[in-house]
């Protein structure tokens, strides 16, 4: 009897142990599956977060290159535009300086007694007054060549003074003292302003230059010759040819 009891107890013990082992195995298996699924889900979430600029841990990550590229593009474009503008301005300045040297060289070519500095100053005035009154500098220089051969201190028997040979009354009309006509800058200013008004009135250079020489009344009345105008226009052509021949333009 005791032996049967012991055998029964051993059987119960074995059965209980087997049940615990089975339950533990099933629970472990379930837990492992859950862990695997959770880990996989976490990996998917991390991947999606990283694509959206977030860190794997869930914190947002700022991409320094995103906004920087957008901001840098306009700045780079503005910089290039400024550099291009500067290059064009520099090229234009060099071109005008070369042109000015050419005009000065022509003045000395016609009148060797005019020094280099004085000729450059004259050339600068012809350019600036030409721009101011919408006249080619070559036309103004041609007038000066015809009137004074680029001498600034001349006065003819009729009282016309300076480089452009204008009258005292015209100087006063434009707000200058007659004595200031011996200054190249003033003489070119007065002459350019007067020629510009004649050009607006008569349209053609032939009539405008004739009016400069004989007066607008004579041109209106038809009592004038085109000889002076033709000579001035020939001087203009000579200046242009000189500049091209010597590579100043």
Protein backbone atom coordinates (compact mmCIF):
# COMPACT_ATOMS: atom_id res chain seq x y z
CA UNK A 1 0.00 0.00 0.00
CA UNK A 2 2.75 2.41 0.95
CA UNK A 3 4.54 1.51 -2.26
CA UNK A 4 1.45 2.30 -4.31
CA UNK A 5 1.07 5.63 -2.52
CA UNK A 6 4.66 6.57 -3.22
CA UNK A 7 4.25 5.59 -6.88
CA UNK A 8 1.10 7.72 -7.16
CA UNK A 9 2.79 10.74 -5.61
CA UNK A 10 5.74 10.42 -7.96
CA UNK A 11 3.37 10.29 -10.92
CA UNK A 12 1.57 13.44 -9.78
CA UNK A 13 4.91 15.21 -9.32
CA UNK A 14 6.05 14.29 -12.81
CA UNK A 15 2.78 15.44 -14.32
CA UNK A 16 2.95 18.76 -12.44
CA UNK A 17 6.53 19.35 -13.57
CA UNK A 18 5.65 18.59 -17.16
CA UNK A 19 2.76 21.04 -17.06
CA UNK A 20 4.92 23.81 -15.70
CA UNK A 21 7.53 23.20 -18.37
CA UNK A 22 4.89 23.23 -21.12
CA UNK A 23 3.31 26.42 -19.84
CA UNK A 24 6.74 28.09 -19.43
CA UNK A 25 7.72 27.16 -22.98
CA UNK A 26 4.50 28.48 -24.45
CA UNK A 27 4.79 31.71 -22.51
CA UNK A 28 8.40 32.15 -23.56
CA UNK A 29 7.50 31.55 -27.18
CA UNK A 30 4.69 34.08 -27.05
CA UNK A 31 6.92 36.62 -25.36
CA UNK A 32 9.64 36.14 -28.00
CA UNK A 33 7.10 36.67 -30.80
CA UNK A 34 5.76 39.77 -29.14
CA UNK A 35 9.28 41.13 -28.71
CA UNK A 36 10.08 40.38 -32.37
CA UNK A 37 6.90 42.13 -33.58
CA UNK A 38 7.48 45.12 -31.29
CA UNK A 39 11.10 45.42 -32.46
CA UNK A 40 10.03 45.26 -36.10
CA UNK A 41 7.40 47.92 -35.54
CA UNK A 42 9.97 50.11 -33.79
CA UNK A 43 12.34 49.71 -36.74
CA UNK A 44 9.59 50.79 -39.17
CA UNK A 45 8.77 53.78 -37.03
CA UNK A 46 12.47 54.73 -36.79
CA UNK A 47 12.88 54.44 -40.57
CA UNK A 48 9.84 56.64 -41.22
CA UNK A 49 11.04 59.14 -38.63
CA UNK A 50 14.46 59.36 -40.23
CA UNK A 51 12.91 59.98 -43.65
CA UNK A 52 10.95 62.88 -42.15
CA UNK A 53 14.05 64.39 -40.60
CA UNK A 54 13.65 62.87 -37.13
CA UNK A 55 16.16 60.92 -35.09
CA UNK A 56 15.69 57.19 -34.46
CA UNK A 57 14.85 58.01 -30.87
CA UNK A 58 11.90 60.15 -31.90
CA UNK A 59 13.46 63.64 -31.58
CA UNK A 60 13.35 65.93 -34.61
CA UNK A 61 16.63 66.48 -36.43
CA UNK A 62 17.28 69.82 -38.19
CA UNK A 63 18.83 69.41 -41.60
CA UNK A 64 21.23 72.35 -41.87
CA UNK A 65 21.53 71.96 -45.64
CA UNK A 66 17.82 72.27 -46.43
CA UNK A 67 17.23 75.97 -45.77
CA UNK A 68 20.85 76.92 -46.37
CA UNK A 69 20.70 75.92 -50.06
CA UNK A 70 17.49 77.88 -50.60
CA UNK A 71 18.94 80.96 -48.90
CA UNK A 72 22.29 80.65 -50.63
CA UNK A 73 20.84 80.61 -54.15
CA UNK A 74 19.57 84.23 -54.18
CA UNK A 75 22.72 85.44 -52.44
CA UNK A 76 24.90 83.69 -54.99
CA UNK A 77 22.80 85.12 -57.84
CA UNK A 78 23.06 88.64 -56.40
CA UNK A 79 26.82 88.24 -55.99
CA UNK A 80 27.23 87.13 -59.61
CA UNK A 81 25.03 90.01 -60.79
CA UNK A 82 27.11 92.49 -58.79
CA UNK A 83 30.34 91.03 -60.16
CA UNK A 84 28.99 91.20 -63.74
CA UNK A 85 27.89 94.80 -63.24
CA UNK A 86 31.28 95.69 -61.79
CA UNK A 87 33.08 94.02 -64.70
CA UNK A 88 30.92 95.87 -67.25
CA UNK A 89 31.48 99.17 -65.45
CA UNK A 90 35.21 98.56 -65.38
CA UNK A 91 35.24 97.68 -69.09
CA UNK A 92 33.21 100.81 -69.93
CA UNK A 93 35.58 102.98 -67.88
CA UNK A 94 38.61 101.56 -69.66
CA UNK A 95 36.95 102.07 -73.03
CA UNK A 96 36.13 105.72 -72.27
CA UNK A 97 39.62 106.36 -70.91
CA UNK A 98 41.10 104.98 -74.13
CA UNK A 99 38.70 107.10 -76.19
CA UNK A 100 39.68 110.18 -74.18
CA UNK A 101 43.36 109.51 -74.80
CA UNK A 102 42.59 109.25 -78.51
CA UNK A 103 40.86 112.63 -78.59
CA UNK A 104 43.75 114.16 -76.66
CA UNK A 105 46.25 112.62 -79.08
CA UNK A 106 44.34 114.13 -82.01
CA UNK A 107 44.43 117.59 -80.39
CA UNK A 108 48.21 117.34 -80.04
CA UNK A 109 48.41 115.99 -83.59
CA UNK A 110 46.71 119.15 -84.91
CA UNK A 111 48.36 121.54 -82.47
CA UNK A 112 51.66 120.19 -81.06
CA UNK A 113 51.97 123.22 -78.73
CA UNK A 114 49.15 121.82 -76.57
CA UNK A 115 50.64 119.76 -73.73
CA UNK A 116 49.52 116.25 -72.80
CA UNK A 117 47.76 117.24 -69.57
CA UNK A 118 45.98 120.17 -71.20
CA UNK A 119 44.90 118.03 -74.15
CA UNK A 120 43.51 115.37 -71.82
CA UNK A 121 41.57 118.03 -69.91
CA UNK A 122 40.19 119.40 -73.17
CA UNK A 123 39.21 115.93 -74.32
CA UNK A 124 37.41 115.34 -71.02
CA UNK A 125 35.43 118.58 -71.45
CA UNK A 126 34.48 117.68 -75.02
CA UNK A 127 33.19 114.31 -73.80
CA UNK A 128 31.27 115.63 -70.78
CA UNK A 129 29.70 118.58 -72.62
CA UNK A 130 28.83 116.32 -75.52
CA UNK A 131 26.93 114.04 -73.16
CA UNK A 132 25.28 117.00 -71.47
CA UNK A 133 23.99 118.52 -74.72
CA UNK A 134 23.56 115.32 -76.73
CA UNK A 135 26.30 116.17 -79.22
CA UNK A 136 29.13 113.93 -80.43
CA UNK A 137 32.47 115.04 -78.92
CA UNK A 138 33.93 114.80 -82.44
CA UNK A 139 31.57 117.56 -83.64
CA UNK A 140 32.55 119.86 -80.78
CA UNK A 141 36.23 119.19 -81.41
CA UNK A 142 35.76 119.84 -85.12
CA UNK A 143 34.20 123.23 -84.30
CA UNK A 144 37.13 124.04 -82.01
CA UNK A 145 39.63 122.99 -84.67
CA UNK A 146 37.92 125.20 -87.24
CA UNK A 147 37.52 128.18 -84.92
CA UNK A 148 40.80 128.23 -82.99
CA UNK A 149 42.98 125.21 -83.94
CA UNK A 150 42.73 124.26 -80.23
CA UNK A 151 44.24 127.49 -78.93
CA UNK A 152 42.43 128.68 -75.82
CA UNK A 153 43.72 132.27 -75.54
CA UNK A 154 42.75 133.63 -78.96
CA UNK A 155 40.48 136.57 -79.75
CA UNK A 156 39.50 137.53 -83.31
CA UNK A 157 39.03 141.10 -84.61
CA UNK A 158 35.28 140.92 -83.92
CA UNK A 159 35.76 140.10 -80.24
CA UNK A 160 34.99 136.37 -80.36
CA UNK A 161 37.05 134.63 -77.71
CA UNK A 162 38.50 131.32 -76.68
CA UNK A 163 38.60 127.79 -77.95
CA UNK A 164 35.08 127.85 -79.45
CA UNK A 165 35.18 131.55 -80.49
CA UNK A 166 31.92 132.71 -78.91
CA UNK A 167 30.80 136.27 -78.21
CA UNK A 168 30.78 138.22 -74.97
CA UNK A 169 27.01 138.65 -75.19
CA UNK A 170 26.50 134.89 -75.48
CA UNK A 171 28.75 134.33 -72.46
CA UNK A 172 26.69 136.80 -70.42
CA UNK A 173 23.45 135.22 -71.66
CA UNK A 174 24.62 131.88 -70.28
CA UNK A 175 25.79 133.39 -67.00
CA UNK A 176 29.55 133.70 -67.59
CA UNK A 177 31.94 136.63 -67.63
CA UNK A 178 33.42 137.29 -71.10
CA UNK A 179 36.94 136.91 -69.66
CA UNK A 180 36.12 133.33 -68.59
CA UNK A 181 35.80 132.32 -72.26
CA UNK A 182 39.58 131.85 -72.29
CA UNK A 183 39.07 128.86 -70.01
CA UNK A 184 38.61 125.70 -72.06
CA UNK A 185 35.83 124.33 -69.85
CA UNK A 186 33.73 127.52 -70.05
CA UNK A 187 34.34 128.00 -73.77
CA UNK A 188 33.30 124.42 -74.57
CA UNK A 189 30.24 124.75 -72.30
CA UNK A 190 29.06 127.94 -74.03
CA UNK A 191 29.84 126.65 -77.54
CA UNK A 192 28.19 123.26 -76.94
CA UNK A 193 25.08 124.82 -75.45
CA UNK A 194 24.72 127.22 -78.37
CA UNK A 195 25.32 124.55 -81.03
CA UNK A 196 22.79 122.29 -79.31
CA UNK A 197 20.14 125.01 -79.50
CA UNK A 198 20.91 125.53 -83.20
CA UNK A 199 20.67 121.78 -83.85
CA UNK A 200 17.26 121.64 -82.18
CA UNK A 201 16.10 124.60 -84.24
CA UNK A 202 17.42 123.59 -87.65
CA UNK A 203 17.62 119.78 -87.22
CA UNK A 204 20.54 119.15 -89.60
CA UNK A 205 24.21 119.64 -88.71
CA UNK A 206 24.78 121.51 -91.95
CA UNK A 207 22.30 124.25 -91.02
CA UNK A 208 23.16 124.17 -87.30
CA UNK A 209 26.87 124.68 -88.00
CA UNK A 210 26.05 127.42 -90.51
CA UNK A 211 23.91 129.14 -87.87
CA UNK A 212 26.82 128.81 -85.41
CA UNK A 213 29.03 130.65 -87.90
CA UNK A 214 26.63 133.19 -89.47
CA UNK A 215 23.80 133.39 -86.95
CA UNK A 216 20.31 131.84 -87.03
CA UNK A 217 18.83 134.89 -88.79
CA UNK A 218 21.07 134.43 -91.81
CA UNK A 219 20.17 130.76 -92.06
CA UNK A 220 16.45 131.48 -91.80
CA UNK A 221 16.77 134.11 -94.52
CA UNK A 222 18.89 131.82 -96.69
CA UNK A 223 21.83 134.23 -96.68
CA UNK A 224 24.60 131.81 -95.80
CA UNK A 225 27.14 129.46 -97.27
CA UNK A 226 27.58 125.83 -96.32
CA UNK A 227 31.36 126.09 -96.77
CA UNK A 228 32.15 126.40 -93.06
CA UNK A 229 29.73 123.63 -92.13
CA UNK A 230 31.25 121.31 -94.73
CA UNK A 231 34.75 122.01 -93.42
CA UNK A 232 33.69 121.28 -89.84
CA UNK A 233 32.05 118.02 -90.91
CA UNK A 234 35.22 117.06 -92.73
CA UNK A 235 37.23 117.68 -89.55
CA UNK A 236 34.76 115.45 -87.70
CA UNK A 237 35.36 112.68 -90.22
CA UNK A 238 39.12 113.13 -89.85
CA UNK A 239 38.84 112.75 -86.07
CA UNK A 240 36.84 109.55 -86.41
CA UNK A 241 39.32 108.12 -88.91
CA UNK A 242 42.25 109.07 -86.66
CA UNK A 243 40.69 107.26 -83.68
CA UNK A 244 40.05 104.10 -85.71
CA UNK A 245 43.40 104.15 -87.45
CA UNK A 246 45.23 104.39 -84.11
CA UNK A 247 43.02 101.83 -82.33
CA UNK A 248 41.45 104.24 -79.86
CA UNK A 249 37.96 102.97 -80.66
